[in-house]
Amino acid sequence: MSDAPKVWIDAETKIADAVGDEHDQLRLWLRLYSVSRLIENEVRRRLLSEFDTTFPRFDILSQIERAPDGLNLGELSQRLMVSPGNITAVIKRLVDDGLIRREQNPEDRRESFIHMTPFGRAAFAKMARSHEGWIRSLTAGLDPAETRQMLGLLRKMKGATRQALTDGVSSDRE
């Protein structure tokens, strides 16, 4: 029996660590997705266990906190990249819990703006501090230079992806 520590390797890691070939972009996407899901699942677990809240609630509060003048439902759903119908029930529960409030637009009574309440700001501040600590601990295996390098590469990848989507839309129209 070997004294070497056992390392758990999942199927995605085996695929992504395979010798490079024409499938490297697919491997990259699989690795990004896998890492994202690992972190997201742990953040979901901690939000629920430590704050009795869900990831969608945290996400909504995070967006509203960044908009001191409030957000309408359309702006909020755009920022979250979901349809307004997907967040309506969550918004209602956040209002019922006193974390946010709706304020009707005086110029268009069909529209309302969503604002954080003082109670919501305080509750979110605690969650946000913990969230940042969790992310720091989950990514502690990277030194600062590696983190900056990854940020630069991911910024480049995001730009290239957006460009490919734009090019794809224009070529679809031709």
N, C-alpha and C. Protein backbone atom coordinates (compact mmCIF):
# COMPACT_ATOMS: atom_id res chain seq x y z
N MET A 1 0.84 -1.19 0.00
CA MET A 1 0.00 0.00 0.00
C MET A 1 0.88 1.25 0.00
N SER A 2 0.56 2.19 -0.83
CA SER A 2 1.35 3.41 -1.00
C SER A 2 1.04 4.42 0.09
N ASP A 3 2.08 5.19 0.47
CA ASP A 3 1.90 6.26 1.45
C ASP A 3 1.46 7.57 0.78
N ALA A 4 1.41 7.58 -0.54
CA ALA A 4 1.00 8.79 -1.26
C ALA A 4 -0.45 9.12 -0.94
N PRO A 5 -0.74 10.40 -0.73
CA PRO A 5 -2.13 10.77 -0.42
C PRO A 5 -3.03 10.49 -1.62
N LYS A 6 -4.25 10.06 -1.32
CA LYS A 6 -5.22 9.83 -2.38
C LYS A 6 -5.79 11.17 -2.81
N VAL A 7 -5.86 11.36 -4.09
CA VAL A 7 -6.43 12.59 -4.63
C VAL A 7 -7.69 12.21 -5.37
N TRP A 8 -8.80 12.84 -4.99
CA TRP A 8 -10.06 12.57 -5.65
C TRP A 8 -10.10 13.34 -6.95
N ILE A 9 -10.27 12.64 -8.04
CA ILE A 9 -10.34 13.27 -9.36
C ILE A 9 -11.69 12.92 -9.98
N ASP A 10 -12.43 13.95 -10.35
CA ASP A 10 -13.72 13.72 -10.99
C ASP A 10 -13.55 13.55 -12.50
N ALA A 11 -14.61 13.14 -13.15
CA ALA A 11 -14.56 12.87 -14.59
C ALA A 11 -14.19 14.13 -15.37
N GLU A 12 -14.71 15.29 -14.97
CA GLU A 12 -14.39 16.53 -15.68
C GLU A 12 -12.90 16.81 -15.60
N THR A 13 -12.29 16.59 -14.42
CA THR A 13 -10.86 16.85 -14.26
C THR A 13 -10.05 15.92 -15.15
N LYS A 14 -10.44 14.66 -15.22
CA LYS A 14 -9.73 13.71 -16.10
C LYS A 14 -9.80 14.18 -17.54
N ILE A 15 -10.96 14.63 -17.97
CA ILE A 15 -11.13 15.10 -19.35
C ILE A 15 -10.32 16.39 -19.56
N ALA A 16 -10.44 17.34 -18.63
CA ALA A 16 -9.78 18.63 -18.81
C ALA A 16 -8.26 18.53 -18.71
N ASP A 17 -7.76 17.51 -18.01
CA ASP A 17 -6.31 17.35 -17.88
C ASP A 17 -5.71 16.47 -18.96
N ALA A 18 -6.52 16.01 -19.90
CA ALA A 18 -6.01 15.18 -20.98
C ALA A 18 -5.02 15.97 -21.82
N VAL A 19 -4.19 15.26 -22.54
CA VAL A 19 -3.20 15.90 -23.40
C VAL A 19 -3.92 16.81 -24.39
N GLY A 20 -3.37 18.01 -24.57
CA GLY A 20 -4.00 19.01 -25.43
C GLY A 20 -4.16 18.56 -26.87
N ASP A 21 -5.26 18.90 -27.44
CA ASP A 21 -5.53 18.64 -28.85
C ASP A 21 -6.60 19.61 -29.30
N GLU A 22 -7.32 19.29 -30.34
CA GLU A 22 -8.32 20.21 -30.87
C GLU A 22 -9.51 20.41 -29.94
N HIS A 23 -9.54 19.72 -28.81
CA HIS A 23 -10.66 19.85 -27.87
C HIS A 23 -10.34 20.76 -26.69
N ASP A 24 -9.24 21.51 -26.76
CA ASP A 24 -8.84 22.34 -25.62
C ASP A 24 -9.90 23.37 -25.23
N GLN A 25 -10.58 23.98 -26.21
CA GLN A 25 -11.60 24.97 -25.85
C GLN A 25 -12.75 24.32 -25.09
N LEU A 26 -13.11 23.11 -25.49
CA LEU A 26 -14.15 22.38 -24.76
C LEU A 26 -13.68 22.06 -23.35
N ARG A 27 -12.44 21.63 -23.22
CA ARG A 27 -11.88 21.34 -21.89
C ARG A 27 -11.87 22.60 -21.02
N LEU A 28 -11.52 23.73 -21.62
CA LEU A 28 -11.52 24.99 -20.89
C LEU A 28 -12.91 25.30 -20.36
N TRP A 29 -13.90 25.19 -21.24
CA TRP A 29 -15.27 25.47 -20.81
C TRP A 29 -15.69 24.51 -19.70
N LEU A 30 -15.36 23.24 -19.83
CA LEU A 30 -15.71 22.26 -18.79
C LEU A 30 -15.06 22.62 -17.45
N ARG A 31 -13.80 23.04 -17.49
CA ARG A 31 -13.11 23.40 -16.26
C ARG A 31 -13.73 24.64 -15.64
N LEU A 32 -14.02 25.66 -16.44
CA LEU A 32 -14.66 26.87 -15.91
C LEU A 32 -16.00 26.54 -15.28
N TYR A 33 -16.78 25.74 -15.97
CA TYR A 33 -18.10 25.36 -15.47
C TYR A 33 -17.97 24.57 -14.17
N SER A 34 -17.05 23.64 -14.14
CA SER A 34 -16.86 22.81 -12.95
C SER A 34 -16.45 23.64 -11.73
N VAL A 35 -15.47 24.52 -11.91
CA VAL A 35 -15.01 25.36 -10.81
C VAL A 35 -16.14 26.28 -10.35
N SER A 36 -16.84 26.87 -11.31
CA SER A 36 -17.96 27.75 -10.98
C SER A 36 -19.02 27.02 -10.16
N ARG A 37 -19.37 25.81 -10.59
CA ARG A 37 -20.39 25.03 -9.87
C ARG A 37 -19.92 24.63 -8.47
N LEU A 38 -18.64 24.25 -8.33
CA LEU A 38 -18.12 23.90 -7.01
C LEU A 38 -18.25 25.07 -6.05
N ILE A 39 -17.82 26.24 -6.50
CA ILE A 39 -17.88 27.42 -5.64
C ILE A 39 -19.33 27.82 -5.38
N GLU A 40 -20.15 27.84 -6.43
CA GLU A 40 -21.55 28.22 -6.26
C GLU A 40 -22.28 27.30 -5.29
N ASN A 41 -22.07 26.00 -5.42
CA ASN A 41 -22.74 25.06 -4.52
C ASN A 41 -22.33 25.27 -3.07
N GLU A 42 -21.05 25.57 -2.83
CA GLU A 42 -20.60 25.82 -1.47
C GLU A 42 -21.17 27.13 -0.93
N VAL A 43 -21.20 28.16 -1.78
CA VAL A 43 -21.79 29.44 -1.35
C VAL A 43 -23.27 29.26 -1.05
N ARG A 44 -23.99 28.52 -1.89
CA ARG A 44 -25.41 28.23 -1.62
C ARG A 44 -25.58 27.55 -0.26
N ARG A 45 -24.74 26.55 -0.01
CA ARG A 45 -24.83 25.80 1.25
C ARG A 45 -24.60 26.72 2.44
N ARG A 46 -23.57 27.56 2.36
CA ARG A 46 -23.23 28.45 3.47
C ARG A 46 -24.28 29.54 3.67
N LEU A 47 -24.82 30.09 2.59
CA LEU A 47 -25.88 31.10 2.73
C LEU A 47 -27.07 30.52 3.47
N LEU A 48 -27.42 29.30 3.11
CA LEU A 48 -28.56 28.65 3.75
C LEU A 48 -28.26 28.33 5.22
N SER A 49 -27.08 27.76 5.49
CA SER A 49 -26.78 27.34 6.86
C SER A 49 -26.48 28.51 7.79
N GLU A 50 -25.81 29.55 7.29
CA GLU A 50 -25.41 30.65 8.16
C GLU A 50 -26.40 31.82 8.18
N PHE A 51 -27.17 31.99 7.11
CA PHE A 51 -28.08 33.15 7.03
C PHE A 51 -29.51 32.77 6.71
N ASP A 52 -29.79 31.50 6.59
CA ASP A 52 -31.12 31.01 6.25
C ASP A 52 -31.68 31.76 5.04
N THR A 53 -30.82 31.90 4.02
CA THR A 53 -31.25 32.57 2.80
C THR A 53 -30.77 31.78 1.59
N THR A 54 -31.30 32.13 0.44
CA THR A 54 -30.96 31.41 -0.78
C THR A 54 -30.04 32.26 -1.65
N PHE A 55 -29.40 31.60 -2.60
CA PHE A 55 -28.53 32.29 -3.54
C PHE A 55 -29.30 33.34 -4.36
N PRO A 56 -30.50 33.02 -4.88
CA PRO A 56 -31.24 34.07 -5.61
C PRO A 56 -31.56 35.29 -4.75
N ARG A 57 -31.90 35.10 -3.49
CA ARG A 57 -32.17 36.24 -2.61
C ARG A 57 -30.91 37.09 -2.45
N PHE A 58 -29.77 36.42 -2.20
CA PHE A 58 -28.50 37.12 -2.05
C PHE A 58 -28.16 37.88 -3.33
N ASP A 59 -28.35 37.24 -4.46
CA ASP A 59 -28.05 37.85 -5.75
C ASP A 59 -28.90 39.11 -5.98
N ILE A 60 -30.17 39.04 -5.67
CA ILE A 60 -31.07 40.18 -5.82
C ILE A 60 -30.65 41.31 -4.88
N LEU A 61 -30.39 40.98 -3.63
CA LEU A 61 -29.96 42.00 -2.67
C LEU A 61 -28.65 42.66 -3.12
N SER A 62 -27.75 41.86 -3.67
CA SER A 62 -26.47 42.37 -4.15
C SER A 62 -26.67 43.41 -5.25
N GLN A 63 -27.57 43.14 -6.17
CA GLN A 63 -27.82 44.08 -7.26
C GLN A 63 -28.50 45.35 -6.75
N ILE A 64 -29.45 45.21 -5.85
CA ILE A 64 -30.17 46.38 -5.33
C ILE A 64 -29.23 47.24 -4.48
N GLU A 65 -28.34 46.60 -3.74
CA GLU A 65 -27.40 47.33 -2.90
C GLU A 65 -26.50 48.23 -3.74
N ARG A 66 -26.21 47.82 -4.96
CA ARG A 66 -25.34 48.60 -5.85
C ARG A 66 -26.08 49.75 -6.54
N ALA A 67 -27.37 49.85 -6.34
CA ALA A 67 -28.18 50.88 -7.00
C ALA A 67 -28.88 51.73 -5.95
N PRO A 68 -28.20 52.75 -5.44
CA PRO A 68 -28.79 53.56 -4.37
C PRO A 68 -30.12 54.21 -4.74
N ASP A 69 -30.34 54.47 -6.04
CA ASP A 69 -31.60 55.07 -6.48
C ASP A 69 -32.66 54.03 -6.77
N GLY A 70 -32.35 52.77 -6.54
CA GLY A 70 -33.30 51.70 -6.77
C GLY A 70 -33.22 51.18 -8.20
N LEU A 71 -33.89 50.08 -8.42
CA LEU A 71 -33.96 49.45 -9.74
C LEU A 71 -35.40 49.09 -10.03
N ASN A 72 -35.78 49.20 -11.30
CA ASN A 72 -37.09 48.66 -11.63
C ASN A 72 -36.91 47.17 -11.94
N LEU A 73 -38.00 46.45 -12.03
CA LEU A 73 -37.93 45.01 -12.21
C LEU A 73 -37.20 44.63 -13.49
N GLY A 74 -37.40 45.40 -14.56
CA GLY A 74 -36.72 45.12 -15.83
C GLY A 74 -35.21 45.25 -15.73
N GLU A 75 -34.76 46.33 -15.08
CA GLU A 75 -33.31 46.54 -14.89
C GLU A 75 -32.72 45.42 -14.04
N LEU A 76 -33.43 45.06 -12.98
CA LEU A 76 -32.95 44.01 -12.09
C LEU A 76 -32.85 42.68 -12.82
N SER A 77 -33.88 42.34 -13.57
CA SER A 77 -33.85 41.06 -14.29
C SER A 77 -32.75 41.06 -15.34
N GLN A 78 -32.49 42.21 -15.97
CA GLN A 78 -31.39 42.30 -16.95
C GLN A 78 -30.05 42.07 -16.27
N ARG A 79 -29.84 42.69 -15.14
CA ARG A 79 -28.58 42.52 -14.42
C ARG A 79 -28.36 41.07 -13.98
N LEU A 80 -29.45 40.41 -13.62
CA LEU A 80 -29.36 39.02 -13.18
C LEU A 80 -29.42 38.03 -14.33
N MET A 81 -29.71 38.54 -15.53
CA MET A 81 -29.83 37.72 -16.74
C MET A 81 -30.92 36.64 -16.60
N VAL A 82 -32.06 37.06 -16.05
CA VAL A 82 -33.23 36.19 -15.92
C VAL A 82 -34.46 36.99 -16.33
N SER A 83 -35.57 36.30 -16.56
CA SER A 83 -36.79 37.02 -16.91
C SER A 83 -37.42 37.61 -15.64
N PRO A 84 -38.16 38.72 -15.79
CA PRO A 84 -38.81 39.30 -14.61
C PRO A 84 -39.69 38.30 -13.87
N GLY A 85 -40.33 37.40 -14.61
CA GLY A 85 -41.18 36.41 -13.97
C GLY A 85 -40.41 35.48 -13.04
N ASN A 86 -39.13 35.26 -13.33
CA ASN A 86 -38.32 34.38 -12.50
C ASN A 86 -38.01 34.95 -11.13
N ILE A 87 -38.09 36.28 -10.99
CA ILE A 87 -37.72 36.88 -9.71
C ILE A 87 -38.88 37.51 -8.95
N THR A 88 -40.05 37.53 -9.55
CA THR A 88 -41.20 38.18 -8.93
C THR A 88 -41.51 37.60 -7.55
N ALA A 89 -41.55 36.29 -7.43
CA ALA A 89 -41.88 35.66 -6.14
C ALA A 89 -40.80 35.92 -5.11
N VAL A 90 -39.54 35.92 -5.54
CA VAL A 90 -38.43 36.19 -4.61
C VAL A 90 -38.52 37.62 -4.11
N ILE A 91 -38.82 38.55 -5.02
CA ILE A 91 -38.98 39.96 -4.65
C ILE A 91 -40.09 40.10 -3.61
N LYS A 92 -41.21 39.44 -3.83
CA LYS A 92 -42.34 39.52 -2.88
C LYS A 92 -41.91 39.05 -1.49
N ARG A 93 -41.17 37.93 -1.44
CA ARG A 93 -40.72 37.42 -0.13
C ARG A 93 -39.72 38.38 0.53
N LEU A 94 -38.85 38.99 -0.26
CA LEU A 94 -37.91 39.96 0.31
C LEU A 94 -38.64 41.18 0.86
N VAL A 95 -39.69 41.61 0.18
CA VAL A 95 -40.53 42.71 0.68
C VAL A 95 -41.21 42.27 1.97
N ASP A 96 -41.82 41.08 1.96
CA ASP A 96 -42.51 40.56 3.14
C ASP A 96 -41.57 40.44 4.35
N ASP A 97 -40.29 40.14 4.08
CA ASP A 97 -39.31 39.98 5.15
C ASP A 97 -38.70 41.32 5.59
N GLY A 98 -39.10 42.42 4.93
CA GLY A 98 -38.62 43.75 5.32
C GLY A 98 -37.22 44.09 4.83
N LEU A 99 -36.69 43.32 3.88
CA LEU A 99 -35.34 43.57 3.38
C LEU A 99 -35.32 44.60 2.25
N ILE A 100 -36.39 44.64 1.49
CA ILE A 100 -36.50 45.62 0.41
C ILE A 100 -37.89 46.23 0.44
N ARG A 101 -38.06 47.33 -0.29
CA ARG A 101 -39.37 47.95 -0.42
C ARG A 101 -39.59 48.35 -1.86
N ARG A 102 -40.85 48.38 -2.25
CA ARG A 102 -41.22 48.85 -3.59
C ARG A 102 -41.72 50.27 -3.46
N GLU A 103 -41.33 51.08 -4.42
CA GLU A 103 -41.77 52.47 -4.44
C GLU A 103 -42.30 52.74 -5.85
N GLN A 104 -43.54 53.14 -5.93
CA GLN A 104 -44.16 53.36 -7.24
C GLN A 104 -43.54 54.57 -7.94
N ASN A 105 -43.31 54.43 -9.24
CA ASN A 105 -42.78 55.51 -10.05
C ASN A 105 -43.89 56.56 -10.19
N PRO A 106 -43.66 57.80 -9.72
CA PRO A 106 -44.71 58.82 -9.80
C PRO A 106 -45.06 59.20 -11.24
N GLU A 107 -44.12 58.95 -12.17
CA GLU A 107 -44.36 59.31 -13.57
C GLU A 107 -45.03 58.18 -14.36
N ASP A 108 -44.93 56.96 -13.85
CA ASP A 108 -45.55 55.82 -14.52
C ASP A 108 -46.01 54.84 -13.44
N ARG A 109 -47.28 54.89 -13.10
CA ARG A 109 -47.81 54.11 -11.98
C ARG A 109 -47.74 52.60 -12.21
N ARG A 110 -47.47 52.18 -13.44
CA ARG A 110 -47.33 50.74 -13.72
C ARG A 110 -45.96 50.22 -13.29
N GLU A 111 -45.03 51.14 -13.07
CA GLU A 111 -43.66 50.76 -12.75
C GLU A 111 -43.34 51.08 -11.30
N SER A 112 -42.58 50.20 -10.67
CA SER A 112 -42.12 50.50 -9.31
C SER A 112 -40.61 50.27 -9.24
N PHE A 113 -40.00 50.98 -8.32
CA PHE A 113 -38.57 50.83 -8.07
C PHE A 113 -38.39 50.04 -6.79
N ILE A 114 -37.36 49.23 -6.80
CA ILE A 114 -37.07 48.39 -5.65
C ILE A 114 -35.85 48.98 -4.95
N HIS A 115 -35.99 49.21 -3.64
CA HIS A 115 -34.94 49.80 -2.82
C HIS A 115 -34.65 48.88 -1.64
N MET A 116 -33.45 48.96 -1.14
CA MET A 116 -33.07 48.23 0.07
C MET A 116 -33.57 49.02 1.28
N THR A 117 -34.08 48.34 2.28
CA THR A 117 -34.46 48.98 3.54
C THR A 117 -33.21 49.06 4.42
N PRO A 118 -33.24 49.89 5.46
CA PRO A 118 -32.10 49.91 6.39
C PRO A 118 -31.84 48.51 6.99
N PHE A 119 -32.90 47.81 7.33
CA PHE A 119 -32.76 46.45 7.84
C PHE A 119 -32.11 45.55 6.79
N GLY A 120 -32.53 45.70 5.54
CA GLY A 120 -31.97 44.92 4.44
C GLY A 120 -30.49 45.23 4.22
N ARG A 121 -30.14 46.51 4.32
CA ARG A 121 -28.73 46.91 4.15
C ARG A 121 -27.86 46.26 5.22
N ALA A 122 -28.33 46.29 6.44
CA ALA A 122 -27.55 45.71 7.54
C ALA A 122 -27.42 44.19 7.37
N ALA A 123 -28.52 43.55 7.02
CA ALA A 123 -28.48 42.09 6.83
C ALA A 123 -27.57 41.73 5.65
N PHE A 124 -27.69 42.49 4.55
CA PHE A 124 -26.87 42.19 3.39
C PHE A 124 -25.39 42.45 3.68
N ALA A 125 -25.07 43.50 4.43
CA ALA A 125 -23.67 43.79 4.75
C ALA A 125 -23.02 42.61 5.45
N LYS A 126 -23.73 41.98 6.38
CA LYS A 126 -23.20 40.80 7.07
C LYS A 126 -22.98 39.65 6.08
N MET A 127 -23.97 39.43 5.23
CA MET A 127 -23.85 38.35 4.24
C MET A 127 -22.69 38.62 3.29
N ALA A 128 -22.56 39.86 2.83
CA ALA A 128 -21.52 40.20 1.86
C ALA A 128 -20.12 40.01 2.45
N ARG A 129 -19.95 40.40 3.72
CA ARG A 129 -18.64 40.19 4.37
C ARG A 129 -18.31 38.70 4.44
N SER A 130 -19.28 37.91 4.84
CA SER A 130 -19.06 36.47 4.91
C SER A 130 -18.80 35.90 3.52
N HIS A 131 -19.59 36.32 2.55
CA HIS A 131 -19.44 35.83 1.17
C HIS A 131 -18.02 36.09 0.67
N GLU A 132 -17.52 37.30 0.87
CA GLU A 132 -16.16 37.59 0.41
C GLU A 132 -15.14 36.70 1.13
N GLY A 133 -15.33 36.48 2.41
CA GLY A 133 -14.43 35.58 3.15
C GLY A 133 -14.47 34.16 2.61
N TRP A 134 -15.66 33.68 2.28
CA TRP A 134 -15.78 32.33 1.71
C TRP A 134 -15.03 32.24 0.40
N ILE A 135 -15.22 33.24 -0.46
CA ILE A 135 -14.56 33.23 -1.77
C ILE A 135 -13.05 33.28 -1.59
N ARG A 136 -12.59 34.10 -0.66
CA ARG A 136 -11.14 34.16 -0.38
C ARG A 136 -10.62 32.79 0.05
N SER A 137 -11.34 32.12 0.93
CA SER A 137 -10.86 30.82 1.42
C SER A 137 -10.93 29.75 0.32
N LEU A 138 -11.95 29.83 -0.53
CA LEU A 138 -12.09 28.84 -1.59
C LEU A 138 -11.08 29.04 -2.72
N THR A 139 -10.53 30.24 -2.83
CA THR A 139 -9.55 30.52 -3.88
C THR A 139 -8.17 30.78 -3.31
N ALA A 140 -7.95 30.41 -2.06
CA ALA A 140 -6.68 30.68 -1.38
C ALA A 140 -5.50 29.95 -2.02
N GLY A 141 -5.76 28.95 -2.85
CA GLY A 141 -4.68 28.23 -3.51
C GLY A 141 -3.99 29.02 -4.61
N LEU A 142 -4.53 30.18 -4.96
CA LEU A 142 -3.92 31.04 -5.98
C LEU A 142 -3.20 32.20 -5.30
N ASP A 143 -1.99 32.49 -5.75
CA ASP A 143 -1.32 33.67 -5.19
C ASP A 143 -1.83 34.91 -5.94
N PRO A 144 -1.55 36.10 -5.41
CA PRO A 144 -2.09 37.32 -6.03
C PRO A 144 -1.74 37.48 -7.51
N ALA A 145 -0.53 37.11 -7.91
CA ALA A 145 -0.14 37.23 -9.32
C ALA A 145 -0.97 36.29 -10.19
N GLU A 146 -1.22 35.09 -9.70
CA GLU A 146 -2.04 34.13 -10.45
C GLU A 146 -3.49 34.63 -10.56
N THR A 147 -3.97 35.21 -9.49
CA THR A 147 -5.33 35.76 -9.52
C THR A 147 -5.44 36.86 -10.57
N ARG A 148 -4.49 37.78 -10.58
CA ARG A 148 -4.50 38.87 -11.58
C ARG A 148 -4.37 38.31 -12.99
N GLN A 149 -3.52 37.29 -13.16
CA GLN A 149 -3.35 36.67 -14.48
C GLN A 149 -4.66 36.05 -14.95
N MET A 150 -5.33 35.32 -14.05
CA MET A 150 -6.62 34.72 -14.41
C MET A 150 -7.65 35.77 -14.73
N LEU A 151 -7.68 36.86 -13.95
CA LEU A 151 -8.64 37.93 -14.23
C LEU A 151 -8.41 38.51 -15.62
N GLY A 152 -7.17 38.72 -15.98
CA GLY A 152 -6.86 39.23 -17.30
C GLY A 152 -7.27 38.27 -18.40
N LEU A 153 -6.98 36.99 -18.23
CA LEU A 153 -7.34 36.00 -19.23
C LEU A 153 -8.86 35.85 -19.35
N LEU A 154 -9.55 35.88 -18.22
CA LEU A 154 -11.01 35.75 -18.27
C LEU A 154 -11.65 37.00 -18.87
N ARG A 155 -11.07 38.18 -18.62
CA ARG A 155 -11.57 39.41 -19.26
C ARG A 155 -11.43 39.28 -20.78
N LYS A 156 -10.27 38.76 -21.22
CA LYS A 156 -10.04 38.57 -22.65
C LYS A 156 -11.02 37.54 -23.21
N MET A 157 -11.26 36.47 -22.47
CA MET A 157 -12.19 35.43 -22.93
C MET A 157 -13.61 35.98 -23.01
N LYS A 158 -14.00 36.78 -22.03
CA LYS A 158 -15.34 37.37 -22.04
C LYS A 158 -15.51 38.28 -23.25
N GLY A 159 -14.50 39.10 -23.52
CA GLY A 159 -14.56 39.97 -24.69
C GLY A 159 -14.64 39.18 -25.98
N ALA A 160 -13.83 38.13 -26.08
CA ALA A 160 -13.84 37.29 -27.28
C ALA A 160 -15.19 36.59 -27.45
N THR A 161 -15.77 36.16 -26.34
CA THR A 161 -17.07 35.50 -26.40
C THR A 161 -18.15 36.48 -26.85
N ARG A 162 -18.13 37.68 -26.26
CA ARG A 162 -19.11 38.69 -26.68
C ARG A 162 -18.94 39.03 -28.16
N GLN A 163 -17.70 39.13 -28.61
CA GLN A 163 -17.45 39.43 -30.02
C GLN A 163 -17.96 38.30 -30.90
N ALA A 164 -17.73 37.06 -30.49
CA ALA A 164 -18.21 35.91 -31.26
C ALA A 164 -19.74 35.91 -31.32
N LEU A 165 -20.37 36.28 -30.23
CA LEU A 165 -21.83 36.35 -30.22
C LEU A 165 -22.32 37.46 -31.14
N THR A 166 -21.66 38.60 -31.10
CA THR A 166 -22.02 39.72 -31.98
C THR A 166 -21.81 39.33 -33.43
N ASP A 167 -20.66 38.73 -33.73
CA ASP A 167 -20.39 38.28 -35.10
C ASP A 167 -21.40 37.24 -35.54
N GLY A 168 -21.75 36.34 -34.63
CA GLY A 168 -22.73 35.30 -34.95
C GLY A 168 -24.10 35.86 -35.25
N VAL A 169 -24.50 36.89 -34.50
CA VAL A 169 -25.79 37.54 -34.72
C VAL A 169 -25.80 38.23 -36.07
N SER A 170 -24.70 38.95 -36.38
CA SER A 170 -24.67 39.66 -37.67
C SER A 170 -24.57 38.68 -38.83
N SER A 171 -23.86 37.57 -38.66
CA SER A 171 -23.76 36.61 -39.76
C SER A 171 -25.05 35.82 -39.92
N ASP A 172 -25.83 35.67 -38.84
CA ASP A 172 -27.13 34.99 -38.93
C ASP A 172 -28.12 35.81 -39.74
N ARG A 173 -27.94 37.13 -39.74
CA ARG A 173 -28.86 38.03 -40.44
C ARG A 173 -28.56 38.10 -41.94
N GLU A 174 -27.35 37.72 -42.32
CA GLU A 174 -26.95 37.85 -43.73
C GLU A 174 -27.59 36.80 -44.60
